[in-house]
Amino acid sequence: MWAVARRLSEWVVTRRLREWVVALPGERGRRGLRLPRTPWDYLQRMQGAQRYKGDKDLQPPMLVWAVFSGVTSFVAIAVLGMVQKYGPAIRDHHLPFAIAPAGATVVLVFAVPAAPLAQPRNVVGGHLIAAITGTFMHALFANVADSFRWMPAALAVGISIGLMGLTNCYHPPAGATAFIAGFFAADIERVNWWFPLYPVLPVSLILVGLGVLLNNICRVYPTYWFTPAPRHNAAVPPSPPILPPSSPFKPCDSIPLTGESGHTLDPHIQSSGDAQPRESPVNGGAADEAELVWLRARVHELEQEVSELRGGSA
């Protein structure tokens, strides 16, 4: 019993581990490590997946991509850290450069580069909008009492999210950019109104540039640079019209339909003698009108046959 349970648990763990972690080529979609064939192919990937003509849907194995994302994220943060450490002007004036929101941006750009929130438009535009909003709130509440120190940060985050929505530049790490700008951080007070242009803009451009250089080794980044391709909805073919049965007669609606007793024969009148008319169709389609015309023509045809029979019998 215990041996069977042990073998079953080993089989489940081994299979799940292989499916979840290893993700060999052919599993979980089309996977395989596709390096650029030529330098020109590598440069063509930089124009974006919407314009790249190569095989952009082939994804690397999950384990390979996880390690690759970690290494490239390390390189990106290391570049920001070295600029912070060895930049002469930054070091002499104690200016900020490697801001905290850059760590969250790295997760999107290097781990899920195909996500809409990781595209260059969202990264640069979202951070700039948040930095401008946070700096404005910082200056607006510069002389506020200590009991309301939370107000500029809250307003900066809320307003920046609304502006990102209006411009279609949603970028989650930009919320942290607005937060640190509105919460009177010491590093931000050193640059004051220059905060959107330094360090937010150069940091955003460096991360996007590194994402383009490194991600295209195994995948295609970005999906688009500024404007996503429009979605073309497939045209729904129109339904064929409902044609009435063929009839040799061409009657008009003004032909009176009278029966043997002189009563008008109208298809809208029920045969039980009830004088209430039948409800007209809600949509009033052409198919109902065509059917009504055919019924009147059929009644007229039957009346002629009856009159001919009566004349012959007389």
Protein backbone atom coordinates (compact mmCIF):
# COMPACT_ATOMS: atom_id res chain seq x y z
CA MET A 1 0.00 0.00 0.00
CA TRP A 2 2.71 2.43 0.99
CA ALA A 3 4.79 1.43 -2.04
CA VAL A 4 1.89 2.15 -4.40
CA ALA A 5 1.26 5.52 -2.74
CA ARG A 6 4.95 6.38 -2.95
CA ARG A 7 5.16 5.48 -6.63
CA LEU A 8 1.98 7.45 -7.37
CA SER A 9 3.25 10.53 -5.54
CA GLU A 10 6.58 10.33 -7.35
CA TRP A 11 4.80 10.11 -10.69
CA VAL A 12 2.54 13.08 -9.90
CA VAL A 13 5.37 15.23 -8.56
CA THR A 14 7.70 14.39 -11.42
CA ARG A 15 5.08 15.01 -14.07
CA ARG A 16 3.82 18.26 -12.57
CA LEU A 17 7.36 19.50 -12.02
CA ARG A 18 8.29 18.78 -15.61
CA GLU A 19 5.15 20.46 -16.98
CA TRP A 20 5.30 23.48 -14.71
CA VAL A 21 9.02 24.22 -14.52
CA VAL A 22 10.76 22.63 -17.44
CA ALA A 23 8.09 23.22 -20.12
CA LEU A 24 9.95 21.37 -22.84
CA PRO A 25 9.55 22.49 -26.46
CA GLY A 26 6.17 21.50 -27.81
CA GLU A 27 4.41 21.76 -24.45
CA ARG A 28 2.27 24.72 -23.34
CA GLY A 29 2.14 25.97 -26.89
CA ARG A 30 4.92 26.30 -29.43
CA ARG A 31 8.16 26.57 -27.47
CA GLY A 32 11.74 26.53 -28.53
CA LEU A 33 14.88 28.64 -28.21
CA ARG A 34 15.06 30.74 -31.37
CA LEU A 35 18.17 32.91 -31.58
CA PRO A 36 18.50 35.53 -34.34
CA ARG A 37 19.78 33.89 -37.50
CA THR A 38 21.62 36.98 -38.71
CA PRO A 39 22.42 40.45 -37.34
CA TRP A 40 19.79 41.81 -39.75
CA ASP A 41 17.19 39.48 -38.22
CA TYR A 42 18.16 40.77 -34.77
CA LEU A 43 17.69 44.37 -35.94
CA GLN A 44 14.38 43.55 -37.58
CA ARG A 45 13.03 42.30 -34.27
CA MET A 46 13.51 45.77 -32.80
CA GLN A 47 10.81 47.24 -35.04
CA GLY A 48 8.18 45.37 -33.01
CA ALA A 49 6.20 42.17 -33.26
CA GLN A 50 3.48 43.85 -35.30
CA ARG A 51 5.89 44.51 -38.17
CA TYR A 52 8.36 41.65 -37.72
CA LYS A 53 7.87 39.03 -40.43
CA GLY A 54 9.73 36.19 -38.71
CA ASP A 55 8.51 33.56 -36.27
CA LYS A 56 7.51 35.76 -33.34
CA ASP A 57 5.08 33.30 -31.71
CA LEU A 58 7.74 30.74 -30.78
CA GLN A 59 8.35 31.10 -27.04
CA PRO A 60 11.49 29.93 -25.19
CA PRO A 61 11.15 27.08 -22.67
CA MET A 62 9.88 28.32 -19.33
CA LEU A 63 12.99 27.42 -17.40
CA VAL A 64 15.23 29.11 -19.96
CA TRP A 65 13.10 32.23 -20.01
CA ALA A 66 12.97 32.44 -16.20
CA VAL A 67 16.77 32.33 -15.96
CA PHE A 68 17.14 34.73 -18.87
CA SER A 69 14.68 37.20 -17.29
CA GLY A 70 16.58 37.10 -14.00
CA VAL A 71 19.93 37.70 -15.68
CA THR A 72 18.69 40.57 -17.84
CA SER A 73 16.92 42.18 -14.88
CA PHE A 74 20.19 42.00 -12.94
CA VAL A 75 22.00 43.69 -15.83
CA ALA A 76 19.41 46.49 -16.01
CA ILE A 77 19.52 47.31 -12.30
CA ALA A 78 23.31 47.01 -12.32
CA VAL A 79 23.52 49.64 -15.07
CA LEU A 80 21.35 52.02 -13.03
CA GLY A 81 23.40 51.32 -9.91
CA MET A 82 26.71 51.98 -11.70
CA VAL A 83 25.38 55.27 -13.08
CA GLN A 84 24.30 56.21 -9.55
CA LYS A 85 27.65 55.22 -8.09
CA TYR A 86 30.13 56.45 -10.69
CA GLY A 87 28.37 59.40 -12.32
CA PRO A 88 30.50 62.44 -11.42
CA ALA A 89 27.67 64.99 -11.16
CA ILE A 90 25.37 62.53 -9.43
CA ARG A 91 28.03 61.55 -6.92
CA ASP A 92 29.21 65.09 -6.17
CA HIS A 93 25.72 66.59 -5.71
CA HIS A 94 24.10 63.51 -4.14
CA LEU A 95 21.39 63.40 -6.76
CA PRO A 96 18.97 60.48 -7.09
CA PHE A 97 19.07 58.23 -10.12
CA ALA A 98 18.29 54.57 -9.34
CA ILE A 99 14.75 55.27 -8.15
CA ALA A 100 12.64 52.52 -6.58
CA PRO A 101 9.93 52.30 -9.33
CA ALA A 102 12.63 51.12 -11.74
CA GLY A 103 12.66 47.75 -9.96
CA ALA A 104 8.98 47.21 -10.72
CA THR A 105 9.40 48.35 -14.32
CA VAL A 106 12.18 45.79 -14.78
CA VAL A 107 9.76 42.99 -13.87
CA LEU A 108 7.41 43.98 -16.70
CA VAL A 109 10.02 44.77 -19.34
CA PHE A 110 12.21 41.70 -18.83
CA ALA A 111 9.79 39.07 -17.47
CA VAL A 112 6.60 39.73 -19.46
CA PRO A 113 7.73 41.92 -22.39
CA ALA A 114 4.69 41.00 -24.49
CA ALA A 115 2.28 42.51 -21.94
CA PRO A 116 0.58 45.77 -23.02
CA LEU A 117 1.75 47.46 -19.80
CA ALA A 118 5.41 46.75 -20.68
CA GLN A 119 5.48 48.51 -24.06
CA PRO A 120 7.70 51.61 -24.53
CA ARG A 121 4.74 53.95 -24.78
CA ASN A 122 3.41 52.79 -21.43
CA VAL A 123 6.81 52.78 -19.70
CA VAL A 124 7.94 56.25 -20.76
CA GLY A 125 4.52 57.89 -20.90
CA GLY A 126 3.28 56.42 -17.63
CA HIS A 127 6.37 57.45 -15.66
CA LEU A 128 6.38 60.96 -17.12
CA ILE A 129 2.70 61.54 -16.36
CA ALA A 130 3.14 60.27 -12.81
CA ALA A 131 6.29 62.31 -12.22
CA ILE A 132 4.71 65.55 -13.47
CA THR A 133 1.57 64.99 -11.39
CA GLY A 134 3.55 64.09 -8.27
CA THR A 135 5.85 67.09 -8.62
CA PHE A 136 2.90 69.44 -9.05
CA MET A 137 1.18 68.06 -5.93
CA HIS A 138 4.47 68.29 -4.06
CA ALA A 139 4.74 72.00 -4.87
CA LEU A 140 1.04 72.66 -4.26
CA PHE A 141 1.13 71.24 -0.72
CA ALA A 142 4.62 72.48 0.15
CA ASN A 143 3.39 74.51 3.13
CA VAL A 144 0.72 72.11 4.31
CA ALA A 145 0.50 71.10 7.95
CA ASP A 146 2.07 67.83 9.06
CA SER A 147 -1.37 66.31 9.67
CA PHE A 148 -2.10 66.55 5.91
CA ARG A 149 1.22 65.24 4.62
CA TRP A 150 -0.61 62.22 3.18
CA MET A 151 -2.79 64.36 0.91
CA PRO A 152 -0.34 65.17 -1.94
CA ALA A 153 0.73 61.54 -2.36
CA ALA A 154 -2.87 60.31 -2.46
CA LEU A 155 -3.90 62.98 -4.95
CA ALA A 156 -0.81 62.36 -7.09
CA VAL A 157 -1.49 58.64 -7.38
CA GLY A 158 -5.20 59.06 -8.07
CA ILE A 159 -4.84 61.85 -10.62
CA SER A 160 -1.93 60.17 -12.41
CA ILE A 161 -3.93 56.95 -12.80
CA GLY A 162 -6.80 58.92 -14.30
CA LEU A 163 -4.45 60.70 -16.71
CA MET A 164 -2.81 57.42 -17.69
CA GLY A 165 -6.24 56.06 -18.48
CA LEU A 166 -7.12 59.05 -20.66
CA THR A 167 -3.87 58.70 -22.62
CA ASN A 168 -3.88 54.88 -22.65
CA CYS A 169 -0.48 54.77 -20.92
CA TYR A 170 -1.21 52.52 -17.95
CA HIS A 171 2.00 51.43 -16.23
CA PRO A 172 1.68 50.09 -12.65
CA PRO A 173 5.19 51.09 -11.46
CA ALA A 174 4.34 54.68 -12.38
CA GLY A 175 2.04 54.75 -9.35
CA ALA A 176 5.14 54.46 -7.17
CA THR A 177 6.72 57.33 -9.10
CA ALA A 178 3.78 59.58 -8.27
CA PHE A 179 3.80 58.36 -4.67
CA ILE A 180 7.44 59.16 -3.91
CA ALA A 181 7.14 62.53 -5.65
CA GLY A 182 4.10 63.56 -3.63
CA PHE A 183 5.25 62.17 -0.29
CA PHE A 184 8.05 64.72 0.18
CA ALA A 185 10.92 62.26 -0.25
CA ALA A 186 14.30 63.82 0.54
CA ASP A 187 15.85 62.77 -2.77
CA ILE A 188 13.01 64.33 -4.74
CA GLU A 189 13.30 67.65 -2.89
CA ARG A 190 16.86 68.00 -4.19
CA VAL A 191 15.75 68.08 -7.82
CA ASN A 192 12.27 69.60 -7.26
CA TRP A 193 10.68 70.53 -10.65
CA TRP A 194 13.41 68.69 -12.55
CA PHE A 195 12.16 65.35 -11.27
CA PRO A 196 10.23 64.40 -14.49
CA LEU A 197 13.24 65.17 -16.68
CA TYR A 198 15.77 63.87 -14.19
CA PRO A 199 15.87 61.07 -13.17
CA VAL A 200 12.51 59.71 -14.42
CA LEU A 201 12.97 60.25 -18.17
CA PRO A 202 16.56 58.92 -18.48
CA VAL A 203 15.78 55.91 -16.28
CA SER A 204 12.73 55.05 -18.42
CA LEU A 205 14.70 55.39 -21.65
CA ILE A 206 17.56 53.26 -20.32
CA LEU A 207 15.20 50.45 -19.28
CA VAL A 208 13.39 50.50 -22.62
CA GLY A 209 16.71 50.51 -24.50
CA LEU A 210 18.08 47.60 -22.49
CA GLY A 211 14.79 45.75 -23.00
CA VAL A 212 15.11 46.15 -26.77
CA LEU A 213 18.74 45.03 -26.78
CA LEU A 214 18.40 42.03 -24.46
CA ASN A 215 14.89 40.67 -24.99
CA ASN A 216 15.33 40.31 -28.73
CA ILE A 217 17.96 37.65 -28.17
CA CYS A 218 15.22 35.14 -27.32
CA ARG A 219 11.96 36.93 -28.11
CA VAL A 220 10.58 39.91 -29.99
CA TYR A 221 10.27 43.18 -28.05
CA PRO A 222 8.37 45.44 -28.19
CA THR A 223 5.01 44.45 -29.54
CA TYR A 224 4.59 48.05 -30.74
CA TRP A 225 6.43 51.29 -30.14
CA PHE A 226 3.68 53.88 -29.98
CA THR A 227 0.36 52.80 -31.44
CA PRO A 228 -1.04 49.25 -31.39
CA ALA A 229 -2.35 47.85 -34.63
CA PRO A 230 -6.12 48.25 -35.02
CA ARG A 231 -8.23 45.18 -34.54
CA HIS A 232 -10.09 44.25 -37.69
CA ASN A 233 -13.31 42.53 -36.79
CA ALA A 234 -14.29 39.83 -39.20
CA ALA A 235 -17.29 40.93 -41.26
CA VAL A 236 -20.37 38.86 -40.54
CA PRO A 237 -21.87 37.68 -43.83
CA PRO A 238 -25.47 38.83 -44.26
CA SER A 239 -28.12 36.17 -43.90
CA PRO A 240 -29.83 35.21 -47.16
CA PRO A 241 -33.26 36.77 -47.63
CA ILE A 242 -36.35 34.63 -47.14
CA LEU A 243 -38.15 34.46 -50.47
CA PRO A 244 -41.90 33.66 -50.72
CA PRO A 245 -43.07 30.58 -52.64
CA SER A 246 -43.33 31.10 -56.37
CA SER A 247 -46.77 31.91 -57.77
CA PRO A 248 -47.90 32.64 -61.34
CA PHE A 249 -50.18 35.42 -60.10
CA LYS A 250 -49.11 39.01 -59.39
CA PRO A 251 -51.91 40.39 -57.24
CA CYS A 252 -51.98 43.76 -55.63
CA ASP A 253 -53.12 44.60 -52.13
CA SER A 254 -56.24 46.39 -53.44
CA ILE A 255 -57.91 43.19 -54.74
CA PRO A 256 -60.94 42.53 -52.53
CA LEU A 257 -61.06 39.03 -51.18
CA THR A 258 -64.68 38.01 -50.67
CA GLY A 259 -66.01 34.63 -49.76
CA GLU A 260 -69.18 32.79 -50.69
CA SER A 261 -71.25 34.62 -48.09
CA GLY A 262 -69.91 38.02 -49.04
CA HIS A 263 -67.59 38.32 -46.05
CA THR A 264 -64.12 39.63 -46.62
CA LEU A 265 -61.42 36.98 -46.45
CA ASP A 266 -58.45 38.47 -44.69
CA PRO A 267 -55.60 36.29 -43.49
CA HIS A 268 -55.37 38.49 -40.39
CA ILE A 269 -58.85 37.33 -39.26
CA GLN A 270 -58.93 34.12 -37.30
CA SER A 271 -61.03 31.28 -38.69
CA SER A 272 -62.93 30.81 -35.45
CA GLY A 273 -64.99 33.93 -36.08
CA ASP A 274 -63.10 36.09 -33.64
CA ALA A 275 -62.83 39.59 -35.09
CA GLN A 276 -59.61 40.44 -33.24
CA PRO A 277 -56.74 40.86 -35.73
CA ARG A 278 -53.60 38.85 -35.38
CA GLU A 279 -50.66 40.69 -33.87
CA SER A 280 -48.38 42.20 -36.45
CA PRO A 281 -44.74 41.15 -36.33
CA VAL A 282 -42.56 43.24 -34.08
CA ASN A 283 -39.85 43.81 -36.63
CA GLY A 284 -42.22 44.21 -39.61
CA GLY A 285 -39.82 42.34 -41.87
CA ALA A 286 -40.09 42.00 -45.62
CA ALA A 287 -40.58 38.24 -45.27
CA ASP A 288 -43.96 38.71 -43.52
CA GLU A 289 -45.15 41.14 -46.20
CA ALA A 290 -44.13 38.73 -48.96
CA GLU A 291 -45.97 35.87 -47.25
CA LEU A 292 -49.11 38.02 -46.94
CA VAL A 293 -49.00 38.86 -50.66
CA TRP A 294 -48.63 35.18 -51.53
CA LEU A 295 -51.57 34.21 -49.31
CA ARG A 296 -53.79 36.78 -51.00
CA ALA A 297 -52.73 35.50 -54.39
CA ARG A 298 -53.50 31.92 -53.33
CA VAL A 299 -56.97 32.87 -52.06
CA HIS A 300 -57.66 34.69 -55.30
CA GLU A 301 -56.60 31.60 -57.28
CA LEU A 302 -58.88 29.33 -55.26
CA GLU A 303 -61.83 31.68 -55.73
CA GLN A 304 -61.34 31.57 -59.50
CA GLU A 305 -61.23 27.77 -59.48
CA VAL A 306 -64.45 27.65 -57.42
CA SER A 307 -66.24 30.06 -59.77
CA GLU A 308 -65.15 28.00 -62.82
CA LEU A 309 -66.44 24.80 -61.23
CA ARG A 310 -69.79 26.43 -60.44
CA GLY A 311 -70.09 27.77 -63.99
CA GLY A 312 -69.36 24.33 -65.47
CA SER A 313 -71.83 22.56 -63.23
CA ALA A 314 -74.55 25.06 -64.12
